[in-house]
Amino acid sequence: MTADSEPGVDLYWLPLGAGGHSVRLNGRAFEAVAARLERRAPSDLYHSALEVRVPEGRFVIEQTPISDHNGGERGVVAEGAVGSRWAGRFRIFRYEVRRWCGGIIPDVNEAVESPQRLTDDPDVAQRVLDLVPHVPTAVWGRDELGAGEMWNSNSIIAWLIASCGLSPESIHPPAGGRAPGWHAGLVVARRQETLLDSVGREPMAGRRAASFTSASIAKP
């Protein structure tokens, strides 16, 4: 078995807006405002994605805008609204979550300090794949779940890492960078774990994930 085919989970950090001038420009404007409000220096912003290898193949896990109606070809297993639930009625204001067998991470050549190997355990790798259809599909760019910051692509990746039983505490974006939304994913994953434990059900780190509504995992 070659290194490329060995089971495992790799994390990629991509500069926000890699390959897209407008997204990068908007990201810099957002960070400039946030840094001013928080009285700190601006940081580079990053978007995260996972590459998971199991005996059945290599999968890319990522949240992206919906490009067309052929989501099945990209392994789309979930969708959510951008900005507001109302706006989500239109495709341009929706995102998709991919579990794409043999897929690609756009602009992966621009990834920084990547890939970062998170685990070589084939059971954990499979668990990550099993959890993807169960990610919370909160409104992108809003703190709908009361996690303390907006929900976005980083939230979904952080949620998967925490929910599959891996320790997220040692995972950080590249030096000098930030990953907005990351903390929100960890908060929601821990909240779900507590909820499951309180009702005596199998924890999220188990082989099967429970389904949750936004109301059930929102901050009390």
N, C-alpha and C. Protein backbone atom coordinates (compact mmCIF):
# COMPACT_ATOMS: atom_id res chain seq x y z
N MET A 1 0.85 -1.20 0.00
CA MET A 1 0.00 0.00 0.00
C MET A 1 0.88 1.24 0.00
N THR A 2 0.63 2.17 -0.92
CA THR A 2 1.43 3.38 -1.01
C THR A 2 0.94 4.41 -0.01
N ALA A 3 1.78 5.44 0.22
CA ALA A 3 1.40 6.48 1.17
C ALA A 3 0.11 7.17 0.73
N ASP A 4 -0.08 7.33 -0.59
CA ASP A 4 -1.26 8.01 -1.10
C ASP A 4 -2.53 7.21 -0.90
N SER A 5 -2.40 5.89 -0.69
CA SER A 5 -3.59 5.06 -0.55
C SER A 5 -3.84 4.63 0.89
N GLU A 6 -2.96 4.99 1.81
CA GLU A 6 -3.13 4.61 3.20
C GLU A 6 -4.28 5.39 3.83
N PRO A 7 -5.09 4.73 4.66
CA PRO A 7 -6.22 5.42 5.30
C PRO A 7 -5.74 6.59 6.16
N GLY A 8 -6.55 7.61 6.23
CA GLY A 8 -6.21 8.75 7.07
C GLY A 8 -7.06 9.96 6.74
N VAL A 9 -6.85 11.01 7.53
CA VAL A 9 -7.58 12.26 7.35
C VAL A 9 -6.56 13.39 7.30
N ASP A 10 -6.60 14.20 6.25
CA ASP A 10 -5.70 15.35 6.09
C ASP A 10 -6.50 16.63 6.05
N LEU A 11 -5.99 17.66 6.72
CA LEU A 11 -6.61 18.98 6.76
C LEU A 11 -5.83 19.94 5.87
N TYR A 12 -6.57 20.72 5.08
CA TYR A 12 -5.96 21.72 4.22
C TYR A 12 -6.44 23.12 4.62
N TRP A 13 -5.49 24.04 4.66
CA TRP A 13 -5.81 25.45 4.91
C TRP A 13 -5.60 26.23 3.62
N LEU A 14 -6.69 26.84 3.13
CA LEU A 14 -6.61 27.60 1.88
C LEU A 14 -6.87 29.08 2.17
N PRO A 15 -6.04 29.97 1.63
CA PRO A 15 -6.30 31.40 1.83
C PRO A 15 -7.71 31.74 1.35
N LEU A 16 -8.44 32.50 2.13
CA LEU A 16 -9.80 32.86 1.76
C LEU A 16 -9.79 33.55 0.40
N GLY A 17 -10.62 33.03 -0.52
CA GLY A 17 -10.71 33.62 -1.84
C GLY A 17 -9.62 33.18 -2.78
N ALA A 18 -8.91 32.10 -2.46
CA ALA A 18 -7.86 31.59 -3.35
C ALA A 18 -8.46 31.39 -4.74
N GLY A 19 -7.85 31.99 -5.74
CA GLY A 19 -8.32 31.85 -7.11
C GLY A 19 -9.47 32.78 -7.45
N GLY A 20 -9.93 33.58 -6.48
CA GLY A 20 -11.06 34.49 -6.76
C GLY A 20 -10.78 35.86 -6.18
N HIS A 21 -10.59 36.85 -7.03
CA HIS A 21 -10.18 38.19 -6.58
C HIS A 21 -11.25 38.84 -5.71
N SER A 22 -12.52 38.75 -6.10
CA SER A 22 -13.58 39.45 -5.37
C SER A 22 -13.76 38.89 -3.96
N VAL A 23 -13.72 37.55 -3.84
CA VAL A 23 -13.89 36.94 -2.52
C VAL A 23 -12.73 37.34 -1.61
N ARG A 24 -11.53 37.33 -2.14
CA ARG A 24 -10.36 37.70 -1.33
C ARG A 24 -10.45 39.15 -0.90
N LEU A 25 -10.90 40.02 -1.81
CA LEU A 25 -11.02 41.44 -1.49
C LEU A 25 -12.06 41.66 -0.42
N ASN A 26 -13.21 41.00 -0.53
CA ASN A 26 -14.25 41.13 0.47
C ASN A 26 -13.79 40.59 1.82
N GLY A 27 -13.02 39.49 1.79
CA GLY A 27 -12.50 38.92 3.01
C GLY A 27 -11.55 39.87 3.73
N ARG A 28 -10.72 40.55 2.96
CA ARG A 28 -9.80 41.50 3.56
C ARG A 28 -10.54 42.69 4.16
N ALA A 29 -11.62 43.11 3.49
CA ALA A 29 -12.41 44.22 4.03
C ALA A 29 -13.08 43.80 5.33
N PHE A 30 -13.63 42.58 5.35
CA PHE A 30 -14.27 42.07 6.57
C PHE A 30 -13.26 42.01 7.71
N GLU A 31 -12.06 41.49 7.44
CA GLU A 31 -11.05 41.34 8.48
C GLU A 31 -10.55 42.70 8.96
N ALA A 32 -10.46 43.66 8.06
CA ALA A 32 -10.01 44.99 8.45
C ALA A 32 -10.99 45.62 9.44
N VAL A 33 -12.29 45.44 9.18
CA VAL A 33 -13.31 45.98 10.08
C VAL A 33 -13.29 45.24 11.41
N ALA A 34 -13.22 43.89 11.34
CA ALA A 34 -13.21 43.08 12.56
C ALA A 34 -12.00 43.41 13.42
N ALA A 35 -10.84 43.56 12.79
CA ALA A 35 -9.62 43.87 13.55
C ALA A 35 -9.73 45.24 14.22
N ARG A 36 -10.31 46.19 13.52
CA ARG A 36 -10.46 47.54 14.09
C ARG A 36 -11.38 47.50 15.31
N LEU A 37 -12.48 46.78 15.19
CA LEU A 37 -13.43 46.68 16.29
C LEU A 37 -12.83 45.97 17.50
N GLU A 38 -11.97 44.98 17.22
CA GLU A 38 -11.36 44.20 18.30
C GLU A 38 -10.01 44.76 18.73
N ARG A 39 -9.60 45.86 18.10
CA ARG A 39 -8.35 46.54 18.44
C ARG A 39 -7.15 45.61 18.37
N ARG A 40 -6.99 45.02 17.22
CA ARG A 40 -5.86 44.12 16.96
C ARG A 40 -5.41 44.31 15.52
N ALA A 41 -4.27 43.70 15.20
CA ALA A 41 -3.78 43.78 13.82
C ALA A 41 -4.56 42.81 12.94
N PRO A 42 -4.82 43.16 11.68
CA PRO A 42 -5.51 42.25 10.76
C PRO A 42 -4.70 40.97 10.55
N SER A 43 -5.41 39.88 10.31
CA SER A 43 -4.78 38.57 10.07
C SER A 43 -5.16 38.06 8.70
N ASP A 44 -4.39 37.11 8.19
CA ASP A 44 -4.79 36.40 6.98
C ASP A 44 -5.94 35.47 7.33
N LEU A 45 -6.93 35.37 6.44
CA LEU A 45 -8.08 34.51 6.69
C LEU A 45 -7.98 33.22 5.89
N TYR A 46 -8.43 32.12 6.51
CA TYR A 46 -8.31 30.81 5.87
C TYR A 46 -9.63 30.05 5.86
N HIS A 47 -9.79 29.27 4.81
CA HIS A 47 -10.91 28.36 4.60
C HIS A 47 -10.34 26.95 4.69
N SER A 48 -11.06 26.03 5.30
CA SER A 48 -10.52 24.68 5.51
C SER A 48 -11.30 23.63 4.72
N ALA A 49 -10.62 22.52 4.45
CA ALA A 49 -11.22 21.38 3.75
C ALA A 49 -10.50 20.12 4.23
N LEU A 50 -11.16 18.99 4.07
CA LEU A 50 -10.58 17.71 4.47
C LEU A 50 -10.43 16.79 3.27
N GLU A 51 -9.40 15.97 3.32
CA GLU A 51 -9.25 14.87 2.38
C GLU A 51 -9.18 13.59 3.20
N VAL A 52 -10.08 12.66 2.93
CA VAL A 52 -10.21 11.44 3.71
C VAL A 52 -9.95 10.25 2.81
N ARG A 53 -9.07 9.36 3.27
CA ARG A 53 -8.77 8.14 2.51
C ARG A 53 -9.21 6.92 3.32
N VAL A 54 -9.99 6.08 2.68
CA VAL A 54 -10.45 4.81 3.23
C VAL A 54 -10.25 3.76 2.14
N PRO A 55 -10.40 2.46 2.48
CA PRO A 55 -10.19 1.43 1.45
C PRO A 55 -11.05 1.64 0.20
N GLU A 56 -12.22 2.27 0.35
CA GLU A 56 -13.12 2.46 -0.80
C GLU A 56 -12.68 3.59 -1.72
N GLY A 57 -11.75 4.45 -1.25
CA GLY A 57 -11.31 5.53 -2.11
C GLY A 57 -10.92 6.78 -1.34
N ARG A 58 -10.66 7.83 -2.09
CA ARG A 58 -10.27 9.12 -1.52
C ARG A 58 -11.45 10.09 -1.66
N PHE A 59 -11.78 10.79 -0.56
CA PHE A 59 -12.93 11.69 -0.56
C PHE A 59 -12.48 13.10 -0.16
N VAL A 60 -13.07 14.10 -0.79
CA VAL A 60 -12.86 15.49 -0.42
C VAL A 60 -14.11 15.98 0.29
N ILE A 61 -13.93 16.61 1.45
CA ILE A 61 -15.04 17.17 2.23
C ILE A 61 -14.85 18.67 2.29
N GLU A 62 -15.85 19.40 1.81
CA GLU A 62 -15.72 20.85 1.74
C GLU A 62 -17.10 21.48 1.60
N GLN A 63 -17.24 22.69 2.13
CA GLN A 63 -18.44 23.48 1.91
C GLN A 63 -18.12 24.52 0.85
N THR A 64 -18.98 24.61 -0.16
CA THR A 64 -18.76 25.56 -1.26
C THR A 64 -20.09 26.14 -1.72
N PRO A 65 -20.06 27.22 -2.51
CA PRO A 65 -21.30 27.69 -3.13
C PRO A 65 -21.83 26.62 -4.08
N ILE A 66 -23.14 26.62 -4.32
CA ILE A 66 -23.73 25.69 -5.28
C ILE A 66 -23.51 26.24 -6.69
N SER A 67 -22.81 25.48 -7.51
CA SER A 67 -22.48 25.97 -8.85
C SER A 67 -23.53 25.62 -9.88
N ASP A 68 -24.22 24.48 -9.70
CA ASP A 68 -25.24 24.06 -10.65
C ASP A 68 -26.14 23.03 -9.98
N HIS A 69 -26.99 22.38 -10.78
CA HIS A 69 -27.94 21.41 -10.23
C HIS A 69 -27.40 19.98 -10.26
N ASN A 70 -26.12 19.81 -10.56
CA ASN A 70 -25.54 18.48 -10.67
C ASN A 70 -24.75 18.11 -9.43
N GLY A 71 -25.33 18.37 -8.27
CA GLY A 71 -24.62 18.12 -7.02
C GLY A 71 -24.24 16.67 -6.82
N GLY A 72 -25.04 15.74 -7.36
CA GLY A 72 -24.72 14.33 -7.21
C GLY A 72 -23.37 13.97 -7.78
N GLU A 73 -22.95 14.69 -8.82
CA GLU A 73 -21.65 14.43 -9.43
C GLU A 73 -20.50 14.88 -8.54
N ARG A 74 -20.81 15.77 -7.58
CA ARG A 74 -19.78 16.28 -6.67
C ARG A 74 -19.94 15.70 -5.26
N GLY A 75 -20.78 14.69 -5.13
CA GLY A 75 -20.96 14.04 -3.84
C GLY A 75 -21.65 14.91 -2.81
N VAL A 76 -22.54 15.79 -3.24
CA VAL A 76 -23.24 16.69 -2.30
C VAL A 76 -24.19 15.88 -1.42
N VAL A 77 -24.06 16.06 -0.10
CA VAL A 77 -24.90 15.33 0.85
C VAL A 77 -25.73 16.25 1.73
N ALA A 78 -25.51 17.57 1.64
CA ALA A 78 -26.27 18.52 2.45
C ALA A 78 -26.20 19.90 1.81
N GLU A 79 -27.20 20.73 2.10
CA GLU A 79 -27.23 22.10 1.61
C GLU A 79 -27.74 23.02 2.71
N GLY A 80 -27.41 24.30 2.60
CA GLY A 80 -27.89 25.28 3.57
C GLY A 80 -28.01 26.64 2.94
N ALA A 81 -28.62 27.56 3.67
CA ALA A 81 -28.85 28.92 3.18
C ALA A 81 -27.67 29.83 3.49
N VAL A 82 -27.52 30.87 2.68
CA VAL A 82 -26.50 31.90 2.88
C VAL A 82 -27.20 33.21 3.21
N GLY A 83 -26.85 33.79 4.35
CA GLY A 83 -27.38 35.09 4.72
C GLY A 83 -28.68 35.03 5.49
N SER A 84 -29.67 34.31 4.97
CA SER A 84 -30.96 34.18 5.64
C SER A 84 -31.70 32.98 5.09
N ARG A 85 -32.61 32.42 5.89
CA ARG A 85 -33.41 31.29 5.44
C ARG A 85 -34.25 31.69 4.23
N TRP A 86 -34.76 32.91 4.26
CA TRP A 86 -35.60 33.37 3.16
C TRP A 86 -34.82 33.40 1.85
N ALA A 87 -33.59 33.95 1.89
CA ALA A 87 -32.78 34.06 0.69
C ALA A 87 -32.40 32.68 0.15
N GLY A 88 -32.34 31.70 1.04
CA GLY A 88 -31.95 30.35 0.64
C GLY A 88 -32.89 29.69 -0.34
N ARG A 89 -34.01 30.32 -0.64
CA ARG A 89 -34.90 29.77 -1.66
C ARG A 89 -34.29 29.87 -3.04
N PHE A 90 -33.28 30.74 -3.18
CA PHE A 90 -32.62 30.94 -4.46
C PHE A 90 -31.24 30.29 -4.45
N ARG A 91 -30.91 29.61 -5.54
CA ARG A 91 -29.66 28.83 -5.57
C ARG A 91 -28.44 29.68 -5.29
N ILE A 92 -28.43 30.92 -5.73
CA ILE A 92 -27.27 31.78 -5.54
C ILE A 92 -27.00 32.05 -4.07
N PHE A 93 -28.03 31.87 -3.23
CA PHE A 93 -27.88 32.09 -1.79
C PHE A 93 -27.94 30.77 -1.02
N ARG A 94 -27.35 29.74 -1.61
CA ARG A 94 -27.28 28.44 -0.94
C ARG A 94 -25.86 27.88 -1.04
N TYR A 95 -25.49 27.07 -0.07
CA TYR A 95 -24.20 26.39 -0.12
C TYR A 95 -24.42 24.88 -0.13
N GLU A 96 -23.39 24.15 -0.53
CA GLU A 96 -23.46 22.70 -0.53
C GLU A 96 -22.31 22.13 0.28
N VAL A 97 -22.54 20.96 0.85
CA VAL A 97 -21.50 20.25 1.59
C VAL A 97 -21.18 18.99 0.79
N ARG A 98 -19.92 18.86 0.40
CA ARG A 98 -19.51 17.76 -0.47
C ARG A 98 -18.82 16.64 0.31
N ARG A 99 -19.12 15.41 -0.07
CA ARG A 99 -18.36 14.22 0.32
C ARG A 99 -18.06 13.52 -1.00
N TRP A 100 -17.06 14.05 -1.67
CA TRP A 100 -16.83 13.80 -3.09
C TRP A 100 -15.75 12.72 -3.28
N CYS A 101 -16.17 11.56 -3.72
CA CYS A 101 -15.21 10.47 -3.98
C CYS A 101 -14.40 10.81 -5.22
N GLY A 102 -13.07 10.83 -5.05
CA GLY A 102 -12.18 11.16 -6.16
C GLY A 102 -12.21 12.63 -6.51
N GLY A 103 -12.78 13.46 -5.63
CA GLY A 103 -12.94 14.87 -5.92
C GLY A 103 -11.66 15.69 -5.79
N ILE A 104 -11.81 16.97 -6.05
CA ILE A 104 -10.66 17.88 -5.99
C ILE A 104 -10.98 19.04 -5.05
N ILE A 105 -9.93 19.62 -4.49
CA ILE A 105 -10.05 20.85 -3.73
C ILE A 105 -9.57 21.97 -4.65
N PRO A 106 -10.46 22.85 -5.11
CA PRO A 106 -10.03 23.93 -6.00
C PRO A 106 -8.89 24.74 -5.38
N ASP A 107 -7.91 25.07 -6.20
CA ASP A 107 -6.79 25.91 -5.76
C ASP A 107 -6.00 25.29 -4.61
N VAL A 108 -5.97 23.94 -4.56
CA VAL A 108 -5.22 23.27 -3.49
C VAL A 108 -3.74 23.62 -3.56
N ASN A 109 -3.27 24.03 -4.73
CA ASN A 109 -1.87 24.41 -4.87
C ASN A 109 -1.53 25.68 -4.09
N GLU A 110 -2.56 26.41 -3.66
CA GLU A 110 -2.33 27.61 -2.86
C GLU A 110 -2.45 27.34 -1.36
N ALA A 111 -2.70 26.10 -0.98
CA ALA A 111 -2.84 25.74 0.44
C ALA A 111 -1.56 26.08 1.20
N VAL A 112 -1.73 26.49 2.46
CA VAL A 112 -0.60 26.91 3.30
C VAL A 112 -0.43 25.93 4.45
N GLU A 113 0.82 25.54 4.70
CA GLU A 113 1.14 24.60 5.78
C GLU A 113 0.21 23.39 5.73
N SER A 114 0.06 22.86 4.55
CA SER A 114 -0.86 21.76 4.30
C SER A 114 -0.22 20.73 3.37
N PRO A 115 -0.70 19.47 3.44
CA PRO A 115 -1.74 18.97 4.34
C PRO A 115 -1.22 18.71 5.75
N GLN A 116 -2.14 18.76 6.71
CA GLN A 116 -1.83 18.40 8.09
C GLN A 116 -2.53 17.07 8.38
N ARG A 117 -1.75 16.04 8.65
CA ARG A 117 -2.33 14.73 8.93
C ARG A 117 -2.96 14.74 10.33
N LEU A 118 -4.25 14.45 10.40
CA LEU A 118 -4.97 14.43 11.67
C LEU A 118 -5.03 13.05 12.29
N THR A 119 -5.07 12.02 11.47
CA THR A 119 -5.11 10.65 11.99
C THR A 119 -4.80 9.66 10.87
N ASP A 120 -4.24 8.51 11.28
CA ASP A 120 -4.02 7.39 10.36
C ASP A 120 -5.00 6.26 10.65
N ASP A 121 -5.89 6.47 11.60
CA ASP A 121 -6.81 5.42 12.03
C ASP A 121 -7.93 5.24 11.00
N PRO A 122 -8.03 4.07 10.38
CA PRO A 122 -9.08 3.86 9.36
C PRO A 122 -10.49 3.96 9.91
N ASP A 123 -10.68 3.58 11.18
CA ASP A 123 -12.01 3.67 11.77
C ASP A 123 -12.44 5.13 11.95
N VAL A 124 -11.50 5.98 12.35
CA VAL A 124 -11.81 7.40 12.51
C VAL A 124 -12.07 8.03 11.14
N ALA A 125 -11.27 7.64 10.16
CA ALA A 125 -11.48 8.17 8.81
C ALA A 125 -12.88 7.82 8.30
N GLN A 126 -13.31 6.59 8.53
CA GLN A 126 -14.65 6.19 8.11
C GLN A 126 -15.71 6.94 8.89
N ARG A 127 -15.44 7.18 10.17
CA ARG A 127 -16.39 7.89 11.01
C ARG A 127 -16.61 9.31 10.49
N VAL A 128 -15.54 9.96 10.04
CA VAL A 128 -15.67 11.29 9.47
C VAL A 128 -16.62 11.25 8.27
N LEU A 129 -16.41 10.28 7.38
CA LEU A 129 -17.27 10.18 6.21
C LEU A 129 -18.72 9.93 6.60
N ASP A 130 -18.93 9.08 7.61
CA ASP A 130 -20.29 8.77 8.04
C ASP A 130 -21.02 9.99 8.60
N LEU A 131 -20.25 10.91 9.19
CA LEU A 131 -20.85 12.07 9.84
C LEU A 131 -21.22 13.20 8.88
N VAL A 132 -20.60 13.23 7.72
CA VAL A 132 -20.80 14.38 6.82
C VAL A 132 -22.27 14.68 6.52
N PRO A 133 -23.11 13.67 6.22
CA PRO A 133 -24.52 14.01 5.93
C PRO A 133 -25.27 14.59 7.13
N HIS A 134 -24.68 14.51 8.31
CA HIS A 134 -25.35 14.96 9.53
C HIS A 134 -24.85 16.32 10.03
N VAL A 135 -23.99 16.99 9.26
CA VAL A 135 -23.49 18.29 9.71
C VAL A 135 -24.64 19.27 9.88
N PRO A 136 -24.58 20.12 10.91
CA PRO A 136 -25.62 21.15 11.04
C PRO A 136 -25.58 22.08 9.83
N THR A 137 -26.71 22.35 9.24
CA THR A 137 -26.77 23.23 8.06
C THR A 137 -27.37 24.58 8.47
N ALA A 138 -26.69 25.22 9.40
CA ALA A 138 -27.13 26.54 9.84
C ALA A 138 -26.91 27.56 8.73
N VAL A 139 -27.52 28.71 8.87
CA VAL A 139 -27.38 29.77 7.87
C VAL A 139 -25.93 30.27 7.86
N TRP A 140 -25.33 30.27 6.67
CA TRP A 140 -23.95 30.76 6.52
C TRP A 140 -23.90 32.26 6.83
N GLY A 141 -22.88 32.65 7.60
CA GLY A 141 -22.68 34.07 7.89
C GLY A 141 -23.50 34.61 9.04
N ARG A 142 -24.27 33.73 9.69
CA ARG A 142 -25.09 34.15 10.84
C ARG A 142 -24.77 33.27 12.04
N ASP A 143 -25.03 33.79 13.23
CA ASP A 143 -24.86 32.98 14.44
C ASP A 143 -26.22 32.44 14.86
N GLU A 144 -26.82 31.67 13.98
CA GLU A 144 -28.15 31.13 14.20
C GLU A 144 -28.20 30.18 15.39
N LEU A 145 -27.08 29.53 15.70
CA LEU A 145 -27.04 28.52 16.76
C LEU A 145 -26.54 29.08 18.09
N GLY A 146 -26.30 30.38 18.16
CA GLY A 146 -25.84 30.98 19.41
C GLY A 146 -24.49 30.46 19.86
N ALA A 147 -23.59 30.24 18.90
CA ALA A 147 -22.26 29.69 19.22
C ALA A 147 -21.22 30.77 19.49
N GLY A 148 -21.59 32.03 19.31
CA GLY A 148 -20.65 33.10 19.60
C GLY A 148 -19.96 33.68 18.38
N GLU A 149 -20.13 33.07 17.23
CA GLU A 149 -19.61 33.61 15.98
C GLU A 149 -20.38 33.00 14.82
N MET A 150 -20.19 33.55 13.63
CA MET A 150 -20.96 33.10 12.48
C MET A 150 -20.64 31.66 12.09
N TRP A 151 -21.60 31.03 11.44
CA TRP A 151 -21.45 29.66 10.93
C TRP A 151 -20.96 29.74 9.49
N ASN A 152 -19.93 28.95 9.15
CA ASN A 152 -19.43 28.94 7.77
C ASN A 152 -18.71 27.63 7.49
N SER A 153 -17.91 27.61 6.44
CA SER A 153 -17.23 26.38 6.03
C SER A 153 -16.29 25.86 7.11
N ASN A 154 -15.62 26.75 7.83
CA ASN A 154 -14.72 26.31 8.89
C ASN A 154 -15.50 25.66 10.04
N SER A 155 -16.72 26.15 10.27
CA SER A 155 -17.56 25.57 11.33
C SER A 155 -17.84 24.10 11.04
N ILE A 156 -18.14 23.80 9.79
CA ILE A 156 -18.46 22.42 9.41
C ILE A 156 -17.26 21.50 9.57
N ILE A 157 -16.08 21.96 9.16
CA ILE A 157 -14.88 21.13 9.29
C ILE A 157 -14.54 20.93 10.77
N ALA A 158 -14.62 21.99 11.56
CA ALA A 158 -14.35 21.86 13.00
C ALA A 158 -15.35 20.93 13.65
N TRP A 159 -16.62 21.03 13.26
CA TRP A 159 -17.66 20.16 13.81
C TRP A 159 -17.35 18.70 13.52
N LEU A 160 -16.94 18.40 12.31
CA LEU A 160 -16.60 17.02 11.94
C LEU A 160 -15.43 16.50 12.76
N ILE A 161 -14.39 17.31 12.90
CA ILE A 161 -13.20 16.88 13.63
C ILE A 161 -13.54 16.59 15.08
N ALA A 162 -14.30 17.49 15.71
CA ALA A 162 -14.66 17.30 17.11
C ALA A 162 -15.63 16.14 17.28
N SER A 163 -16.57 15.99 16.36
CA SER A 163 -17.62 14.98 16.50
C SER A 163 -17.13 13.56 16.25
N CYS A 164 -16.05 13.42 15.49
CA CYS A 164 -15.55 12.08 15.19
C CYS A 164 -14.63 11.55 16.28
N GLY A 165 -14.34 12.37 17.28
CA GLY A 165 -13.53 11.90 18.38
C GLY A 165 -12.09 12.39 18.37
N LEU A 166 -11.70 13.15 17.34
CA LEU A 166 -10.36 13.71 17.31
C LEU A 166 -10.28 14.92 18.23
N SER A 167 -9.07 15.23 18.68
CA SER A 167 -8.88 16.38 19.56
C SER A 167 -8.57 17.61 18.73
N PRO A 168 -9.44 18.61 18.74
CA PRO A 168 -9.21 19.81 17.91
C PRO A 168 -8.32 20.86 18.57
N GLU A 169 -7.99 20.67 19.84
CA GLU A 169 -7.27 21.71 20.57
C GLU A 169 -5.90 22.02 19.96
N SER A 170 -5.27 21.01 19.36
CA SER A 170 -3.92 21.20 18.82
C SER A 170 -3.94 21.69 17.38
N ILE A 171 -5.12 21.92 16.82
CA ILE A 171 -5.24 22.33 15.42
C ILE A 171 -5.40 23.84 15.36
N HIS A 172 -4.52 24.48 14.58
CA HIS A 172 -4.56 25.93 14.44
C HIS A 172 -4.31 26.31 12.99
N PRO A 173 -4.86 27.44 12.54
CA PRO A 173 -4.56 27.90 11.18
C PRO A 173 -3.10 28.28 11.07
N PRO A 174 -2.60 28.49 9.86
CA PRO A 174 -1.19 28.88 9.68
C PRO A 174 -0.82 30.11 10.49
N ALA A 175 0.46 30.23 10.78
CA ALA A 175 0.96 31.34 11.60
C ALA A 175 0.48 32.67 11.04
N GLY A 176 -0.03 33.51 11.94
CA GLY A 176 -0.50 34.83 11.53
C GLY A 176 -1.87 34.84 10.91
N GLY A 177 -2.56 33.68 10.93
CA GLY A 177 -3.85 33.61 10.28
C GLY A 177 -5.00 33.31 11.23
N ARG A 178 -6.22 33.49 10.74
CA ARG A 178 -7.43 33.18 11.49
C ARG A 178 -8.35 32.32 10.63
N ALA A 179 -9.18 31.55 11.29
CA ALA A 179 -10.19 30.75 10.60
C ALA A 179 -11.54 31.08 11.21
N PRO A 180 -12.17 32.18 10.79
CA PRO A 180 -13.47 32.55 11.35
C PRO A 180 -14.47 31.40 11.24
N GLY A 181 -15.26 31.22 12.27
CA GLY A 181 -16.26 30.15 12.26
C GLY A 181 -15.78 28.86 12.88
N TRP A 182 -14.50 28.67 13.04
CA TRP A 182 -13.95 27.42 13.58
C TRP A 182 -14.49 27.15 14.98
N HIS A 183 -14.45 28.17 15.82
CA HIS A 183 -14.91 28.01 17.20
C HIS A 183 -16.39 27.62 17.26
N ALA A 184 -17.18 28.17 16.35
CA ALA A 184 -18.61 27.85 16.33
C ALA A 184 -18.83 26.35 16.13
N GLY A 185 -18.06 25.74 15.24
CA GLY A 185 -18.20 24.31 15.01
C GLY A 185 -17.88 23.49 16.25
N LEU A 186 -16.85 23.91 16.99
CA LEU A 186 -16.48 23.19 18.21
C LEU A 186 -17.55 23.34 19.28
N VAL A 187 -18.08 24.55 19.42
CA VAL A 187 -19.12 24.79 20.42
C VAL A 187 -20.34 23.93 20.16
N VAL A 188 -20.78 23.89 18.91
CA VAL A 188 -21.99 23.12 18.58
C VAL A 188 -21.75 21.63 18.75
N ALA A 189 -20.57 21.14 18.37
CA ALA A 189 -20.25 19.72 18.54
C ALA A 189 -20.28 19.33 20.02
N ARG A 190 -19.71 20.17 20.86
CA ARG A 190 -19.71 19.87 22.30
C ARG A 190 -21.12 19.93 22.88
N ARG A 191 -21.90 20.86 22.38
CA ARG A 191 -23.28 21.00 22.85
C ARG A 191 -24.09 19.74 22.50
N GLN A 192 -23.89 19.22 21.30
CA GLN A 192 -24.58 18.01 20.89
C GLN A 192 -24.13 16.81 21.71
N GLU A 193 -22.84 16.74 21.99
CA GLU A 193 -22.31 15.65 22.80
C GLU A 193 -22.96 15.65 24.17
N THR A 194 -23.07 16.84 24.76
CA THR A 194 -23.70 16.96 26.07
C THR A 194 -25.17 16.56 26.02
N LEU A 195 -25.85 16.96 24.95
CA LEU A 195 -27.26 16.62 24.80
C LEU A 195 -27.46 15.12 24.70
N LEU A 196 -26.62 14.46 23.90
CA LEU A 196 -26.74 13.01 23.75
C LEU A 196 -26.45 12.30 25.06
N ASP A 197 -25.42 12.75 25.76
CA ASP A 197 -25.08 12.13 27.03
C ASP A 197 -26.22 12.28 28.03
N SER A 198 -26.88 13.42 27.99
CA SER A 198 -27.93 13.69 28.97
C SER A 198 -29.16 12.81 28.77
N VAL A 199 -29.36 12.32 27.53
CA VAL A 199 -30.51 11.46 27.26
C VAL A 199 -30.10 10.00 27.10
N GLY A 200 -28.81 9.72 27.38
CA GLY A 200 -28.35 8.35 27.39
C GLY A 200 -28.21 7.71 26.03
N ARG A 201 -27.95 8.54 25.01
CA ARG A 201 -27.79 8.00 23.67
C ARG A 201 -26.33 7.91 23.31
N GLU A 202 -26.05 7.21 22.20
CA GLU A 202 -24.68 7.02 21.75
C GLU A 202 -24.06 8.36 21.40
N PRO A 203 -22.83 8.67 21.89
CA PRO A 203 -22.21 9.95 21.61
C PRO A 203 -21.87 10.10 20.14
N MET A 204 -21.62 11.36 19.72
CA MET A 204 -21.32 11.64 18.32
C MET A 204 -20.06 10.95 17.85
N ALA A 205 -19.17 10.59 18.78
CA ALA A 205 -17.94 9.93 18.39
C ALA A 205 -18.19 8.48 18.03
N GLY A 206 -19.41 8.00 18.17
CA GLY A 206 -19.75 6.63 17.82
C GLY A 206 -19.89 6.46 16.33
N ARG A 207 -20.34 5.28 15.92
CA ARG A 207 -20.40 4.96 14.51
C ARG A 207 -21.54 5.65 13.79
N ARG A 208 -22.57 6.09 14.51
CA ARG A 208 -23.72 6.70 13.86
C ARG A 208 -24.04 8.02 14.53
N ALA A 209 -24.38 9.02 13.72
CA ALA A 209 -24.73 10.33 14.25
C ALA A 209 -26.23 10.47 14.29
N ALA A 210 -26.70 11.17 15.31
CA ALA A 210 -28.11 11.46 15.40
C ALA A 210 -28.42 12.71 14.58
N SER A 211 -29.67 12.89 14.22
CA SER A 211 -30.09 14.06 13.50
C SER A 211 -30.56 15.12 14.50
N PHE A 212 -30.21 16.37 14.24
CA PHE A 212 -30.57 17.45 15.14
C PHE A 212 -31.20 18.58 14.36
N THR A 213 -32.20 19.21 14.94
CA THR A 213 -32.75 20.42 14.35
C THR A 213 -31.97 21.60 14.90
N SER A 214 -32.08 22.74 14.22
CA SER A 214 -31.40 23.95 14.69
C SER A 214 -31.88 24.30 16.09
N ALA A 215 -33.17 24.08 16.35
CA ALA A 215 -33.70 24.43 17.67
C ALA A 215 -33.10 23.57 18.77
N SER A 216 -32.85 22.30 18.46
CA SER A 216 -32.36 21.39 19.51
C SER A 216 -30.92 21.65 19.88
N ILE A 217 -30.13 22.27 18.97
CA ILE A 217 -28.71 22.49 19.28
C ILE A 217 -28.39 23.96 19.47
N ALA A 218 -29.38 24.82 19.38
CA ALA A 218 -29.14 26.24 19.64
C ALA A 218 -28.89 26.45 21.12
N LYS A 219 -28.20 27.52 21.44
CA LYS A 219 -27.90 27.84 22.84
C LYS A 219 -29.20 28.06 23.59
N PRO A 220 -29.35 27.44 24.77
CA PRO A 220 -30.58 27.61 25.55
C PRO A 220 -30.82 29.08 25.91
